[in-house]
Amino acid sequence: MPDTSTDHLANERTFLAWIRTSITIIGLGFVVARFGLFLRALRTGSAGTASPVSEWVGVALVLSGSLLMAVAWYRFRVVREDLVRGSYTPRGGLELILTVVLVSVGIALAIYLLVS
């Protein structure tokens, strides 16, 4: 399979899409971590410390987004090298990581909202 610029551009677009997704997950983590503080202020009428659950879930999302960004960069590099060599074979995994993390965090948030 010859090395074409179209393949490289598609690889770059895919990488940038994963970076945007990572940044969104990091931003969501920040919001979730601070949302516990907002809920507590609504309940008590005064600002205090954020709920430990929302802080932990928020931190987990921020770390997951950062990890996803690192994995996306690694996959971008591997695919680029495969394209240059002309030996590209599709690989999976990144999608599974993202799905497992987001489903886990979603379930944790749902439980938290039901309990609190």
PDB file of N, CA and C in Angstrom:
ATOM      1  N   MET A   1       0.849  -1.168   0.000  1.00  0.00           N
ATOM      2  CA  MET A   1       0.000   0.000   0.000  1.00  0.00           C
ATOM      3  C   MET A   1       0.899   1.236   0.000  1.00  0.00           C
ATOM      4  N   PRO A   2       0.766   2.110  -0.981  1.00  0.00           N
ATOM      5  CA  PRO A   2       1.647   3.267  -1.085  1.00  0.00           C
ATOM      6  C   PRO A   2       1.325   4.323  -0.030  1.00  0.00           C
ATOM      7  N   ASP A   3       2.324   5.088   0.282  1.00  0.00           N
ATOM      8  CA  ASP A   3       2.223   6.190   1.240  1.00  0.00           C
ATOM      9  C   ASP A   3       1.576   7.382   0.536  1.00  0.00           C
ATOM     10  N   THR A   4       0.360   7.767   0.939  1.00  0.00           N
ATOM     11  CA  THR A   4      -0.320   8.891   0.296  1.00  0.00           C
ATOM     12  C   THR A   4      -0.584   9.989   1.308  1.00  0.00           C
ATOM     13  N   SER A   5      -0.621  11.217   0.806  1.00  0.00           N
ATOM     14  CA  SER A   5      -0.870  12.346   1.701  1.00  0.00           C
ATOM     15  C   SER A   5      -2.291  12.310   2.248  1.00  0.00           C
ATOM     16  N   THR A   6      -3.233  11.743   1.504  1.00  0.00           N
ATOM     17  CA  THR A   6      -4.619  11.641   1.972  1.00  0.00           C
ATOM     18  C   THR A   6      -4.697  10.782   3.229  1.00  0.00           C
ATOM     19  N   ASP A   7      -3.962   9.695   3.250  1.00  0.00           N
ATOM     20  CA  ASP A   7      -3.945   8.829   4.431  1.00  0.00           C
ATOM     21  C   ASP A   7      -3.353   9.561   5.637  1.00  0.00           C
ATOM     22  N   HIS A   8      -2.285  10.307   5.407  1.00  0.00           N
ATOM     23  CA  HIS A   8      -1.661  11.048   6.508  1.00  0.00           C
ATOM     24  C   HIS A   8      -2.592  12.139   7.034  1.00  0.00           C
ATOM     25  N   LEU A   9      -3.277  12.820   6.137  1.00  0.00           N
ATOM     26  CA  LEU A   9      -4.217  13.855   6.572  1.00  0.00           C
ATOM     27  C   LEU A   9      -5.371  13.248   7.357  1.00  0.00           C
ATOM     28  N   ALA A  10      -5.858  12.102   6.934  1.00  0.00           N
ATOM     29  CA  ALA A  10      -6.927  11.420   7.678  1.00  0.00           C
ATOM     30  C   ALA A  10      -6.437  11.014   9.063  1.00  0.00           C
ATOM     31  N   ASN A  11      -5.196  10.552   9.148  1.00  0.00           N
ATOM     32  CA  ASN A  11      -4.609  10.193  10.441  1.00  0.00           C
ATOM     33  C   ASN A  11      -4.541  11.422  11.356  1.00  0.00           C
ATOM     34  N   GLU A  12      -4.140  12.554  10.810  1.00  0.00           N
ATOM     35  CA  GLU A  12      -4.067  13.784  11.601  1.00  0.00           C
ATOM     36  C   GLU A  12      -5.451  14.240  12.057  1.00  0.00           C
ATOM     37  N   ARG A  13      -6.446  14.154  11.187  1.00  0.00           N
ATOM     38  CA  ARG A  13      -7.808  14.542  11.565  1.00  0.00           C
ATOM     39  C   ARG A  13      -8.340  13.646  12.684  1.00  0.00           C
ATOM     40  N   THR A  14      -8.053  12.369  12.590  1.00  0.00           N
ATOM     41  CA  THR A  14      -8.482  11.435  13.632  1.00  0.00           C
ATOM     42  C   THR A  14      -7.801  11.774  14.954  1.00  0.00           C
ATOM     43  N   PHE A  15      -6.515  12.042  14.894  1.00  0.00           N
ATOM     44  CA  PHE A  15      -5.776  12.422  16.101  1.00  0.00           C
ATOM     45  C   PHE A  15      -6.369  13.680  16.731  1.00  0.00           C
ATOM     46  N   LEU A  16      -6.639  14.675  15.919  1.00  0.00           N
ATOM     47  CA  LEU A  16      -7.203  15.917  16.451  1.00  0.00           C
ATOM     48  C   LEU A  16      -8.603  15.703  17.025  1.00  0.00           C
ATOM     49  N   ALA A  17      -9.367  14.796  16.455  1.00  0.00           N
ATOM     50  CA  ALA A  17     -10.692  14.479  17.013  1.00  0.00           C
ATOM     51  C   ALA A  17     -10.546  13.851  18.399  1.00  0.00           C
ATOM     52  N   TRP A  18      -9.568  12.972  18.567  1.00  0.00           N
ATOM     53  CA  TRP A  18      -9.338  12.379  19.884  1.00  0.00           C
ATOM     54  C   TRP A  18      -8.840  13.421  20.877  1.00  0.00           C
ATOM     55  N   ILE A  19      -8.041  14.370  20.415  1.00  0.00           N
ATOM     56  CA  ILE A  19      -7.570  15.441  21.302  1.00  0.00           C
ATOM     57  C   ILE A  19      -8.751  16.290  21.752  1.00  0.00           C
ATOM     58  N   ARG A  20      -9.659  16.642  20.833  1.00  0.00           N
ATOM     59  CA  ARG A  20     -10.858  17.408  21.212  1.00  0.00           C
ATOM     60  C   ARG A  20     -11.697  16.641  22.228  1.00  0.00           C
ATOM     61  N   THR A  21     -11.837  15.350  22.018  1.00  0.00           N
ATOM     62  CA  THR A  21     -12.589  14.522  22.957  1.00  0.00           C
ATOM     63  C   THR A  21     -11.906  14.515  24.322  1.00  0.00           C
ATOM     64  N   SER A  22     -10.600  14.414  24.340  1.00  0.00           N
ATOM     65  CA  SER A  22      -9.847  14.419  25.601  1.00  0.00           C
ATOM     66  C   SER A  22     -10.033  15.728  26.350  1.00  0.00           C
ATOM     67  N   ILE A  23      -9.954  16.827  25.626  1.00  0.00           N
ATOM     68  CA  ILE A  23     -10.127  18.139  26.255  1.00  0.00           C
ATOM     69  C   ILE A  23     -11.543  18.272  26.823  1.00  0.00           C
ATOM     70  N   THR A  24     -12.527  17.745  26.109  1.00  0.00           N
ATOM     71  CA  THR A  24     -13.907  17.784  26.593  1.00  0.00           C
ATOM     72  C   THR A  24     -14.051  16.972  27.869  1.00  0.00           C
ATOM     73  N   ILE A  25     -13.442  15.800  27.926  1.00  0.00           N
ATOM     74  CA  ILE A  25     -13.513  14.968  29.125  1.00  0.00           C
ATOM     75  C   ILE A  25     -12.828  15.662  30.296  1.00  0.00           C
ATOM     76  N   ILE A  26     -11.709  16.308  30.049  1.00  0.00           N
ATOM     77  CA  ILE A  26     -11.010  17.047  31.103  1.00  0.00           C
ATOM     78  C   ILE A  26     -11.887  18.186  31.610  1.00  0.00           C
ATOM     79  N   GLY A  27     -12.519  18.917  30.698  1.00  0.00           N
ATOM     80  CA  GLY A  27     -13.419  20.008  31.096  1.00  0.00           C
ATOM     81  C   GLY A  27     -14.608  19.495  31.881  1.00  0.00           C
ATOM     82  N   LEU A  28     -15.179  18.363  31.465  1.00  0.00           N
ATOM     83  CA  LEU A  28     -16.288  17.763  32.194  1.00  0.00           C
ATOM     84  C   LEU A  28     -15.850  17.361  33.595  1.00  0.00           C
ATOM     85  N   GLY A  29     -14.648  16.847  33.717  1.00  0.00           N
ATOM     86  CA  GLY A  29     -14.120  16.488  35.035  1.00  0.00           C
ATOM     87  C   GLY A  29     -14.042  17.688  35.949  1.00  0.00           C
ATOM     88  N   PHE A  30     -13.596  18.803  35.425  1.00  0.00           N
ATOM     89  CA  PHE A  30     -13.532  20.026  36.228  1.00  0.00           C
ATOM     90  C   PHE A  30     -14.921  20.449  36.683  1.00  0.00           C
ATOM     91  N   VAL A  31     -15.886  20.400  35.770  1.00  0.00           N
ATOM     92  CA  VAL A  31     -17.261  20.790  36.099  1.00  0.00           C
ATOM     93  C   VAL A  31     -17.845  19.856  37.153  1.00  0.00           C
ATOM     94  N   VAL A  32     -17.640  18.558  37.000  1.00  0.00           N
ATOM     95  CA  VAL A  32     -18.170  17.592  37.965  1.00  0.00           C
ATOM     96  C   VAL A  32     -17.553  17.826  39.341  1.00  0.00           C
ATOM     97  N   ALA A  33     -16.266  18.075  39.387  1.00  0.00           N
ATOM     98  CA  ALA A  33     -15.604  18.316  40.672  1.00  0.00           C
ATOM     99  C   ALA A  33     -16.179  19.546  41.363  1.00  0.00           C
ATOM    100  N   ARG A  34     -16.509  20.562  40.612  1.00  0.00           N
ATOM    101  CA  ARG A  34     -17.053  21.793  41.203  1.00  0.00           C
ATOM    102  C   ARG A  34     -18.567  21.731  41.403  1.00  0.00           C
ATOM    103  N   PHE A  35     -19.233  20.804  40.720  1.00  0.00           N
ATOM    104  CA  PHE A  35     -20.687  20.684  40.847  1.00  0.00           C
ATOM    105  C   PHE A  35     -21.070  20.247  42.257  1.00  0.00           C
ATOM    106  N   GLY A  36     -20.255  19.414  42.876  1.00  0.00           N
ATOM    107  CA  GLY A  36     -20.505  19.012  44.260  1.00  0.00           C
ATOM    108  C   GLY A  36     -20.506  20.204  45.196  1.00  0.00           C
ATOM    109  N   LEU A  37     -19.629  21.155  44.956  1.00  0.00           N
ATOM    110  CA  LEU A  37     -19.585  22.381  45.750  1.00  0.00           C
ATOM    111  C   LEU A  37     -20.864  23.185  45.561  1.00  0.00           C
ATOM    112  N   PHE A  38     -21.339  23.250  44.330  1.00  0.00           N
ATOM    113  CA  PHE A  38     -22.577  23.958  44.018  1.00  0.00           C
ATOM    114  C   PHE A  38     -23.770  23.300  44.711  1.00  0.00           C
ATOM    115  N   LEU A  39     -23.862  21.970  44.658  1.00  0.00           N
ATOM    116  CA  LEU A  39     -24.963  21.261  45.312  1.00  0.00           C
ATOM    117  C   LEU A  39     -24.953  21.481  46.824  1.00  0.00           C
ATOM    118  N   ARG A  40     -23.781  21.447  47.415  1.00  0.00           N
ATOM    119  CA  ARG A  40     -23.678  21.656  48.862  1.00  0.00           C
ATOM    120  C   ARG A  40     -24.100  23.075  49.225  1.00  0.00           C
ATOM    121  N   ALA A  41     -23.721  24.054  48.408  1.00  0.00           N
ATOM    122  CA  ALA A  41     -24.113  25.441  48.679  1.00  0.00           C
ATOM    123  C   ALA A  41     -25.627  25.602  48.557  1.00  0.00           C
ATOM    124  N   LEU A  42     -26.246  24.905  47.627  1.00  0.00           N
ATOM    125  CA  LEU A  42     -27.700  24.959  47.504  1.00  0.00           C
ATOM    126  C   LEU A  42     -28.392  24.369  48.728  1.00  0.00           C
ATOM    127  N   ARG A  43     -27.873  23.271  49.235  1.00  0.00           N
ATOM    128  CA  ARG A  43     -28.484  22.598  50.386  1.00  0.00           C
ATOM    129  C   ARG A  43     -28.309  23.384  51.674  1.00  0.00           C
ATOM    130  N   THR A  44     -27.107  23.871  51.912  1.00  0.00           N
ATOM    131  CA  THR A  44     -26.814  24.501  53.198  1.00  0.00           C
ATOM    132  C   THR A  44     -26.978  26.016  53.180  1.00  0.00           C
ATOM    133  N   GLY A  45     -26.964  26.602  52.011  1.00  0.00           N
ATOM    134  CA  GLY A  45     -27.080  28.053  51.923  1.00  0.00           C
ATOM    135  C   GLY A  45     -25.757  28.775  52.072  1.00  0.00           C
ATOM    136  N   SER A  46     -24.685  28.030  52.289  1.00  0.00           N
ATOM    137  CA  SER A  46     -23.371  28.665  52.381  1.00  0.00           C
ATOM    138  C   SER A  46     -22.347  27.794  51.664  1.00  0.00           C
ATOM    139  N   ALA A  47     -21.346  28.443  51.163  1.00  0.00           N
ATOM    140  CA  ALA A  47     -20.292  27.714  50.452  1.00  0.00           C
ATOM    141  C   ALA A  47     -19.427  26.982  51.460  1.00  0.00           C
ATOM    142  N   GLY A  48     -19.026  25.801  51.102  1.00  0.00           N
ATOM    143  CA  GLY A  48     -18.148  25.009  51.951  1.00  0.00           C
ATOM    144  C   GLY A  48     -17.195  24.248  51.072  1.00  0.00           C
ATOM    145  N   THR A  49     -16.917  23.036  51.494  1.00  0.00           N
ATOM    146  CA  THR A  49     -16.056  22.192  50.669  1.00  0.00           C
ATOM    147  C   THR A  49     -16.924  21.323  49.767  1.00  0.00           C
ATOM    148  N   ALA A  50     -16.376  20.933  48.658  1.00  0.00           N
ATOM    149  CA  ALA A  50     -17.106  20.104  47.700  1.00  0.00           C
ATOM    150  C   ALA A  50     -17.242  18.686  48.242  1.00  0.00           C
ATOM    151  N   SER A  51     -18.213  17.982  47.729  1.00  0.00           N
ATOM    152  CA  SER A  51     -18.418  16.584  48.106  1.00  0.00           C
ATOM    153  C   SER A  51     -17.210  15.767  47.667  1.00  0.00           C
ATOM    154  N   PRO A  52     -16.730  14.882  48.533  1.00  0.00           N
ATOM    155  CA  PRO A  52     -15.574  14.061  48.145  1.00  0.00           C
ATOM    156  C   PRO A  52     -15.863  13.178  46.931  1.00  0.00           C
ATOM    157  N   VAL A  53     -17.114  12.727  46.798  1.00  0.00           N
ATOM    158  CA  VAL A  53     -17.457  11.872  45.659  1.00  0.00           C
ATOM    159  C   VAL A  53     -17.318  12.644  44.352  1.00  0.00           C
ATOM    160  N   SER A  54     -17.872  13.835  44.300  1.00  0.00           N
ATOM    161  CA  SER A  54     -17.779  14.607  43.062  1.00  0.00           C
ATOM    162  C   SER A  54     -16.335  15.008  42.772  1.00  0.00           C
ATOM    163  N   GLU A  55     -15.569  15.273  43.817  1.00  0.00           N
ATOM    164  CA  GLU A  55     -14.156  15.599  43.594  1.00  0.00           C
ATOM    165  C   GLU A  55     -13.412  14.402  43.008  1.00  0.00           C
ATOM    166  N   TRP A  56     -13.662  13.199  43.565  1.00  0.00           N
ATOM    167  CA  TRP A  56     -12.972  12.003  43.074  1.00  0.00           C
ATOM    168  C   TRP A  56     -13.394  11.676  41.649  1.00  0.00           C
ATOM    169  N   VAL A  57     -14.689  11.800  41.354  1.00  0.00           N
ATOM    170  CA  VAL A  57     -15.157  11.524  39.997  1.00  0.00           C
ATOM    171  C   VAL A  57     -14.568  12.554  39.031  1.00  0.00           C
ATOM    172  N   GLY A  58     -14.542  13.822  39.447  1.00  0.00           N
ATOM    173  CA  GLY A  58     -13.963  14.870  38.613  1.00  0.00           C
ATOM    174  C   GLY A  58     -12.490  14.630  38.337  1.00  0.00           C
ATOM    175  N   VAL A  59     -11.756  14.266  39.366  1.00  0.00           N
ATOM    176  CA  VAL A  59     -10.328  13.976  39.193  1.00  0.00           C
ATOM    177  C   VAL A  59     -10.148  12.761  38.286  1.00  0.00           C
ATOM    178  N   ALA A  60     -11.004  11.754  38.444  1.00  0.00           N
ATOM    179  CA  ALA A  60     -10.921  10.569  37.583  1.00  0.00           C
ATOM    180  C   ALA A  60     -11.150  10.945  36.125  1.00  0.00           C
ATOM    181  N   LEU A  61     -12.090  11.839  35.873  1.00  0.00           N
ATOM    182  CA  LEU A  61     -12.338  12.282  34.502  1.00  0.00           C
ATOM    183  C   LEU A  61     -11.155  13.068  33.947  1.00  0.00           C
ATOM    184  N   VAL A  62     -10.591  13.946  34.757  1.00  0.00           N
ATOM    185  CA  VAL A  62      -9.430  14.729  34.295  1.00  0.00           C
ATOM    186  C   VAL A  62      -8.261  13.797  33.970  1.00  0.00           C
ATOM    187  N   LEU A  63      -8.006  12.843  34.844  1.00  0.00           N
ATOM    188  CA  LEU A  63      -6.910  11.905  34.588  1.00  0.00           C
ATOM    189  C   LEU A  63      -7.209  11.018  33.381  1.00  0.00           C
ATOM    190  N   SER A  64      -8.469  10.605  33.232  1.00  0.00           N
ATOM    191  CA  SER A  64      -8.853   9.791  32.075  1.00  0.00           C
ATOM    192  C   SER A  64      -8.674  10.566  30.777  1.00  0.00           C
ATOM    193  N   GLY A  65      -9.059  11.823  30.770  1.00  0.00           N
ATOM    194  CA  GLY A  65      -8.872  12.652  29.584  1.00  0.00           C
ATOM    195  C   GLY A  65      -7.403  12.810  29.246  1.00  0.00           C
ATOM    196  N   SER A  66      -6.585  12.967  30.261  1.00  0.00           N
ATOM    197  CA  SER A  66      -5.143  13.094  30.035  1.00  0.00           C
ATOM    198  C   SER A  66      -4.550  11.794  29.502  1.00  0.00           C
ATOM    199  N   LEU A  67      -4.976  10.671  30.074  1.00  0.00           N
ATOM    200  CA  LEU A  67      -4.503   9.375  29.594  1.00  0.00           C
ATOM    201  C   LEU A  67      -4.953   9.126  28.160  1.00  0.00           C
ATOM    202  N   LEU A  68      -6.186   9.472  27.870  1.00  0.00           N
ATOM    203  CA  LEU A  68      -6.708   9.303  26.521  1.00  0.00           C
ATOM    204  C   LEU A  68      -5.896  10.125  25.518  1.00  0.00           C
ATOM    205  N   MET A  69      -5.487  11.311  25.924  1.00  0.00           N
ATOM    206  CA  MET A  69      -4.684  12.164  25.061  1.00  0.00           C
ATOM    207  C   MET A  69      -3.329  11.500  24.760  1.00  0.00           C
ATOM    208  N   ALA A  70      -2.728  10.910  25.779  1.00  0.00           N
ATOM    209  CA  ALA A  70      -1.441  10.232  25.586  1.00  0.00           C
ATOM    210  C   ALA A  70      -1.594   9.015  24.678  1.00  0.00           C
ATOM    211  N   VAL A  71      -2.662   8.252  24.864  1.00  0.00           N
ATOM    212  CA  VAL A  71      -2.900   7.071  24.029  1.00  0.00           C
ATOM    213  C   VAL A  71      -3.172   7.494  22.580  1.00  0.00           C
ATOM    214  N   ALA A  72      -3.908   8.582  22.404  1.00  0.00           N
ATOM    215  CA  ALA A  72      -4.198   9.078  21.054  1.00  0.00           C
ATOM    216  C   ALA A  72      -2.910   9.485  20.342  1.00  0.00           C
ATOM    217  N   TRP A  73      -2.019  10.144  21.069  1.00  0.00           N
ATOM    218  CA  TRP A  73      -0.741  10.541  20.470  1.00  0.00           C
ATOM    219  C   TRP A  73       0.058   9.307  20.067  1.00  0.00           C
ATOM    220  N   TYR A  74       0.077   8.296  20.936  1.00  0.00           N
ATOM    221  CA  TYR A  74       0.810   7.072  20.633  1.00  0.00           C
ATOM    222  C   TYR A  74       0.239   6.400  19.381  1.00  0.00           C
ATOM    223  N   ARG A  75      -1.083   6.296  19.313  1.00  0.00           N
ATOM    224  CA  ARG A  75      -1.703   5.670  18.138  1.00  0.00           C
ATOM    225  C   ARG A  75      -1.439   6.465  16.868  1.00  0.00           C
ATOM    226  N   PHE A  76      -1.454   7.789  16.972  1.00  0.00           N
ATOM    227  CA  PHE A  76      -1.147   8.633  15.822  1.00  0.00           C
ATOM    228  C   PHE A  76       0.248   8.311  15.289  1.00  0.00           C
ATOM    229  N   ARG A  77       1.213   8.214  16.198  1.00  0.00           N
ATOM    230  CA  ARG A  77       2.594   7.911  15.796  1.00  0.00           C
ATOM    231  C   ARG A  77       2.713   6.534  15.154  1.00  0.00           C
ATOM    232  N   VAL A  78       2.064   5.537  15.740  1.00  0.00           N
ATOM    233  CA  VAL A  78       2.139   4.168  15.204  1.00  0.00           C
ATOM    234  C   VAL A  78       1.516   4.105  13.815  1.00  0.00           C
ATOM    235  N   VAL A  79       0.358   4.714  13.645  1.00  0.00           N
ATOM    236  CA  VAL A  79      -0.305   4.694  12.334  1.00  0.00           C
ATOM    237  C   VAL A  79       0.536   5.437  11.309  1.00  0.00           C
ATOM    238  N   ARG A  80       1.126   6.567  11.710  1.00  0.00           N
ATOM    239  CA  ARG A  80       1.969   7.317  10.776  1.00  0.00           C
ATOM    240  C   ARG A  80       3.150   6.475  10.310  1.00  0.00           C
ATOM    241  N   GLU A  81       3.804   5.788  11.241  1.00  0.00           N
ATOM    242  CA  GLU A  81       4.929   4.929  10.864  1.00  0.00           C
ATOM    243  C   GLU A  81       4.483   3.783   9.961  1.00  0.00           C
ATOM    244  N   ASP A  82       3.304   3.202  10.259  1.00  0.00           N
ATOM    245  CA  ASP A  82       2.775   2.139   9.400  1.00  0.00           C
ATOM    246  C   ASP A  82       2.494   2.658   7.991  1.00  0.00           C
ATOM    247  N   LEU A  83       1.960   3.857   7.883  1.00  0.00           N
ATOM    248  CA  LEU A  83       1.666   4.434   6.575  1.00  0.00           C
ATOM    249  C   LEU A  83       2.951   4.669   5.777  1.00  0.00           C
ATOM    250  N   VAL A  84       3.967   5.145   6.448  1.00  0.00           N
ATOM    251  CA  VAL A  84       5.245   5.391   5.772  1.00  0.00           C
ATOM    252  C   VAL A  84       5.840   4.075   5.270  1.00  0.00           C
ATOM    253  N   ARG A  85       5.754   3.021   6.079  1.00  0.00           N
ATOM    254  CA  ARG A  85       6.280   1.713   5.681  1.00  0.00           C
ATOM    255  C   ARG A  85       5.388   1.009   4.668  1.00  0.00           C
ATOM    256  N   GLY A  86       4.138   1.463   4.579  1.00  0.00           N
ATOM    257  CA  GLY A  86       3.206   0.809   3.666  1.00  0.00           C
ATOM    258  C   GLY A  86       2.637  -0.478   4.224  1.00  0.00           C
ATOM    259  N   SER A  87       2.618  -0.596   5.545  1.00  0.00           N
ATOM    260  CA  SER A  87       2.139  -1.835   6.175  1.00  0.00           C
ATOM    261  C   SER A  87       1.053  -1.554   7.205  1.00  0.00           C
ATOM    262  N   TYR A  88       0.145  -0.659   6.892  1.00  0.00           N
ATOM    263  CA  TYR A  88      -0.899  -0.288   7.845  1.00  0.00           C
ATOM    264  C   TYR A  88      -1.887  -1.433   8.053  1.00  0.00           C
ATOM    265  N   THR A  89      -2.158  -1.733   9.302  1.00  0.00           N
ATOM    266  CA  THR A  89      -3.225  -2.666   9.663  1.00  0.00           C
ATOM    267  C   THR A  89      -4.072  -2.000  10.742  1.00  0.00           C
ATOM    268  N   PRO A  90      -5.386  -2.005  10.580  1.00  0.00           N
ATOM    269  CA  PRO A  90      -6.252  -1.353  11.569  1.00  0.00           C
ATOM    270  C   PRO A  90      -6.094  -1.994  12.945  1.00  0.00           C
ATOM    271  N   ARG A  91      -6.101  -1.152  13.956  1.00  0.00           N
ATOM    272  CA  ARG A  91      -6.011  -1.614  15.344  1.00  0.00           C
ATOM    273  C   ARG A  91      -7.155  -0.982  16.122  1.00  0.00           C
ATOM    274  N   GLY A  92      -7.659  -1.664  17.096  1.00  0.00           N
ATOM    275  CA  GLY A  92      -8.705  -1.139  17.966  1.00  0.00           C
ATOM    276  C   GLY A  92      -8.152  -0.914  19.362  1.00  0.00           C
ATOM    277  N   GLY A  93      -9.000  -0.512  20.243  1.00  0.00           N
ATOM    278  CA  GLY A  93      -8.598  -0.363  21.635  1.00  0.00           C
ATOM    279  C   GLY A  93      -8.918   0.989  22.214  1.00  0.00           C
ATOM    280  N   LEU A  94      -8.633   2.044  21.481  1.00  0.00           N
ATOM    281  CA  LEU A  94      -8.858   3.390  21.996  1.00  0.00           C
ATOM    282  C   LEU A  94     -10.342   3.618  22.274  1.00  0.00           C
ATOM    283  N   GLU A  95     -11.173   3.126  21.401  1.00  0.00           N
ATOM    284  CA  GLU A  95     -12.609   3.293  21.569  1.00  0.00           C
ATOM    285  C   GLU A  95     -13.096   2.544  22.804  1.00  0.00           C
ATOM    286  N   LEU A  96     -12.553   1.360  23.038  1.00  0.00           N
ATOM    287  CA  LEU A  96     -12.941   0.560  24.203  1.00  0.00           C
ATOM    288  C   LEU A  96     -12.551   1.258  25.491  1.00  0.00           C
ATOM    289  N   ILE A  97     -11.355   1.826  25.532  1.00  0.00           N
ATOM    290  CA  ILE A  97     -10.900   2.546  26.727  1.00  0.00           C
ATOM    291  C   ILE A  97     -11.848   3.696  27.037  1.00  0.00           C
ATOM    292  N   LEU A  98     -12.159   4.495  26.038  1.00  0.00           N
ATOM    293  CA  LEU A  98     -13.039   5.643  26.228  1.00  0.00           C
ATOM    294  C   LEU A  98     -14.424   5.198  26.694  1.00  0.00           C
ATOM    295  N   THR A  99     -14.956   4.169  26.092  1.00  0.00           N
ATOM    296  CA  THR A  99     -16.291   3.694  26.451  1.00  0.00           C
ATOM    297  C   THR A  99     -16.335   3.180  27.884  1.00  0.00           C
ATOM    298  N   VAL A 100     -15.375   2.367  28.273  1.00  0.00           N
ATOM    299  CA  VAL A 100     -15.350   1.816  29.632  1.00  0.00           C
ATOM    300  C   VAL A 100     -15.229   2.933  30.663  1.00  0.00           C
ATOM    301  N   VAL A 101     -14.366   3.879  30.424  1.00  0.00           N
ATOM    302  CA  VAL A 101     -14.183   4.977  31.374  1.00  0.00           C
ATOM    303  C   VAL A 101     -15.453   5.804  31.500  1.00  0.00           C
ATOM    304  N   LEU A 102     -16.045   6.189  30.383  1.00  0.00           N
ATOM    305  CA  LEU A 102     -17.223   7.043  30.445  1.00  0.00           C
ATOM    306  C   LEU A 102     -18.446   6.323  31.009  1.00  0.00           C
ATOM    307  N   VAL A 103     -18.608   5.048  30.693  1.00  0.00           N
ATOM    308  CA  VAL A 103     -19.714   4.293  31.277  1.00  0.00           C
ATOM    309  C   VAL A 103     -19.520   4.159  32.786  1.00  0.00           C
ATOM    310  N   SER A 104     -18.310   3.893  33.223  1.00  0.00           N
ATOM    311  CA  SER A 104     -18.029   3.783  34.656  1.00  0.00           C
ATOM    312  C   SER A 104     -18.313   5.083  35.383  1.00  0.00           C
ATOM    313  N   VAL A 105     -17.852   6.169  34.828  1.00  0.00           N
ATOM    314  CA  VAL A 105     -18.080   7.473  35.457  1.00  0.00           C
ATOM    315  C   VAL A 105     -19.564   7.822  35.440  1.00  0.00           C
ATOM    316  N   GLY A 106     -20.258   7.511  34.347  1.00  0.00           N
ATOM    317  CA  GLY A 106     -21.695   7.768  34.275  1.00  0.00           C
ATOM    318  C   GLY A 106     -22.465   6.999  35.332  1.00  0.00           C
ATOM    319  N   ILE A 107     -22.128   5.748  35.531  1.00  0.00           N
ATOM    320  CA  ILE A 107     -22.786   4.939  36.567  1.00  0.00           C
ATOM    321  C   ILE A 107     -22.476   5.494  37.950  1.00  0.00           C
ATOM    322  N   ALA A 108     -21.226   5.864  38.176  1.00  0.00           N
ATOM    323  CA  ALA A 108     -20.849   6.435  39.476  1.00  0.00           C
ATOM    324  C   ALA A 108     -21.606   7.733  39.742  1.00  0.00           C
ATOM    325  N   LEU A 109     -21.741   8.582  38.740  1.00  0.00           N
ATOM    326  CA  LEU A 109     -22.478   9.834  38.918  1.00  0.00           C
ATOM    327  C   LEU A 109     -23.960   9.579  39.163  1.00  0.00           C
ATOM    328  N   ALA A 110     -24.530   8.612  38.457  1.00  0.00           N
ATOM    329  CA  ALA A 110     -25.946   8.292  38.660  1.00  0.00           C
ATOM    330  C   ALA A 110     -26.182   7.793  40.083  1.00  0.00           C
ATOM    331  N   ILE A 111     -25.321   6.925  40.576  1.00  0.00           N
ATOM    332  CA  ILE A 111     -25.441   6.432  41.949  1.00  0.00           C
ATOM    333  C   ILE A 111     -25.299   7.581  42.933  1.00  0.00           C
ATOM    334  N   TYR A 112     -24.326   8.433  42.698  1.00  0.00           N
ATOM    335  CA  TYR A 112     -24.114   9.588  43.583  1.00  0.00           C
ATOM    336  C   TYR A 112     -25.346  10.492  43.639  1.00  0.00           C
ATOM    337  N   LEU A 113     -25.930  10.767  42.488  1.00  0.00           N
ATOM    338  CA  LEU A 113     -27.103  11.641  42.448  1.00  0.00           C
ATOM    339  C   LEU A 113     -28.313  10.982  43.111  1.00  0.00           C
ATOM    340  N   LEU A 114     -28.433   9.676  42.992  1.00  0.00           N
ATOM    341  CA  LEU A 114     -29.546   8.978  43.650  1.00  0.00           C
ATOM    342  C   LEU A 114     -29.378   8.926  45.173  1.00  0.00           C
ATOM    343  N   VAL A 115     -28.157   8.779  45.622  1.00  0.00           N
ATOM    344  CA  VAL A 115     -27.888   8.646  47.056  1.00  0.00           C
ATOM    345  C   VAL A 115     -27.909   9.994  47.779  1.00  0.00           C
ATOM    346  N   SER A 116     -27.417  11.018  47.128  1.00  0.00           N
ATOM    347  CA  SER A 116     -27.299  12.308  47.826  1.00  0.00           C
ATOM    348  C   SER A 116     -28.586  13.105  47.816  1.00  0.00           C
TER     349      SER A 116
END
